[in-house]
């Protein structure tokens, strides 16, 4: 009887682990979707800022983002925020690309 109980406990644990993994997969999908949305909005902000003669990035704003992640996640928030900022900055355009963009009507 003891062996049967141990096998059932093992199956229950395995089922709980699988359920938790499915929950993590769902969270990961939501995080990826949110990061894609954030990147799109960040790209729009950068284009508007550059188009109005401003800088591509604003370090004070990035410091605010870093602080928010640190406040919410502690020391582990810093590398996460840095990764998010890098992801959302996109590719830095070359001088030639900027010239072509600026020459367009």
Protein backbone atom coordinates (compact mmCIF):
# COMPACT_ATOMS: atom_id res chain seq x y z
CA UNK A 1 0.00 0.00 0.00
CA UNK A 2 2.87 2.37 0.85
CA UNK A 3 4.34 1.92 -2.65
CA UNK A 4 1.03 2.89 -4.26
CA UNK A 5 0.86 6.07 -2.17
CA UNK A 6 4.40 7.02 -3.17
CA UNK A 7 3.63 6.48 -6.86
CA UNK A 8 0.47 8.59 -6.60
CA UNK A 9 2.41 11.37 -4.84
CA UNK A 10 4.98 11.28 -7.64
CA UNK A 11 2.26 11.55 -10.29
CA UNK A 12 0.60 14.43 -8.40
CA UNK A 13 3.90 16.31 -8.19
CA UNK A 14 4.57 15.70 -11.87
CA UNK A 15 1.09 17.01 -12.77
CA UNK A 16 1.60 20.12 -10.61
CA UNK A 17 4.97 20.78 -12.24
CA UNK A 18 3.46 20.44 -15.72
CA UNK A 19 0.61 22.80 -14.77
CA UNK A 20 3.08 25.34 -13.41
CA UNK A 21 5.17 25.06 -16.58
CA UNK A 22 2.08 25.76 -18.69
CA UNK A 23 1.40 28.82 -16.51
CA UNK A 24 4.98 30.04 -17.05
CA UNK A 25 4.64 29.47 -20.81
CA UNK A 26 1.51 31.63 -20.78
CA UNK A 27 3.27 34.35 -18.81
CA UNK A 28 6.23 34.24 -21.21
CA UNK A 29 3.87 34.69 -24.16
CA UNK A 30 2.30 37.72 -22.46
CA UNK A 31 5.73 39.19 -21.62
CA UNK A 32 6.87 38.77 -25.23
CA UNK A 33 3.69 40.46 -26.47
CA UNK A 34 4.16 43.35 -24.04
CA UNK A 35 7.82 43.77 -25.03
CA UNK A 36 6.82 43.89 -28.70
CA UNK A 37 4.23 46.59 -27.89
CA UNK A 38 6.77 48.53 -25.83
CA UNK A 39 9.34 48.33 -28.62
CA UNK A 40 6.80 49.61 -31.16
CA UNK A 41 5.85 52.57 -28.97
CA UNK A 42 9.51 53.32 -28.21
CA UNK A 43 10.29 53.32 -31.94
CA UNK A 44 7.47 55.79 -32.53
CA UNK A 45 8.77 58.08 -29.76
CA UNK A 46 12.31 57.94 -31.15
CA UNK A 47 11.14 58.80 -34.66
CA UNK A 48 9.09 61.73 -33.38
CA UNK A 49 11.94 62.98 -31.23
CA UNK A 50 14.50 62.73 -34.05
CA UNK A 51 12.02 64.25 -36.50
CA UNK A 52 11.66 67.28 -34.27
CA UNK A 53 15.43 67.71 -33.95
CA UNK A 54 15.80 66.00 -30.59
CA UNK A 55 18.14 63.22 -29.53
CA UNK A 56 17.40 59.57 -30.22
CA UNK A 57 17.49 58.71 -26.53
CA UNK A 58 17.06 60.71 -23.35
CA UNK A 59 19.32 59.43 -20.59
CA UNK A 60 17.22 61.00 -17.82
CA UNK A 61 14.21 59.05 -19.07
CA UNK A 62 16.23 55.83 -19.21
CA UNK A 63 17.36 56.48 -15.61
CA UNK A 64 13.68 56.71 -14.61
CA UNK A 65 13.02 53.35 -16.25
CA UNK A 66 16.03 51.78 -14.48
CA UNK A 67 14.84 53.14 -11.16
CA UNK A 68 11.32 51.78 -11.68
CA UNK A 69 12.68 48.28 -12.38
CA UNK A 70 15.03 48.47 -9.39
CA UNK A 71 12.18 49.59 -7.14
CA UNK A 72 9.95 46.78 -8.36
CA UNK A 73 12.47 43.95 -8.60
CA UNK A 74 15.39 44.95 -6.40
CA UNK A 75 18.96 44.47 -7.64
CA UNK A 76 17.81 41.96 -10.28
CA UNK A 77 15.78 44.74 -11.90
CA UNK A 78 18.85 46.55 -13.26
CA UNK A 79 19.95 43.95 -15.84
CA UNK A 80 16.34 43.33 -16.84
CA UNK A 81 15.76 47.05 -17.39
CA UNK A 82 19.00 47.33 -19.36
CA UNK A 83 17.91 44.46 -21.60
CA UNK A 84 14.48 46.01 -22.14
CA UNK A 85 16.02 49.39 -22.98
CA UNK A 86 18.46 47.77 -25.44
CA UNK A 87 15.64 45.83 -27.07
CA UNK A 88 13.48 48.92 -27.44
CA UNK A 89 16.19 51.24 -28.75
CA UNK A 90 16.26 49.29 -31.98
CA UNK A 91 19.06 49.52 -34.47
CA UNK A 92 21.01 52.76 -34.39
CA UNK A 93 20.76 54.24 -37.90
CA UNK A 94 23.96 55.00 -39.75
CA UNK A 95 24.78 58.53 -40.91
CA UNK A 96 23.92 57.50 -44.48
CA UNK A 97 20.49 56.25 -43.40
CA UNK A 98 19.84 59.47 -41.49
CA UNK A 99 20.82 61.56 -44.52
CA UNK A 100 18.50 59.55 -46.77
CA UNK A 101 15.64 59.93 -44.29
CA UNK A 102 16.20 63.65 -43.88
CA UNK A 103 16.33 64.21 -47.66
CA UNK A 104 12.84 62.76 -48.15
CA UNK A 105 9.99 65.22 -48.60
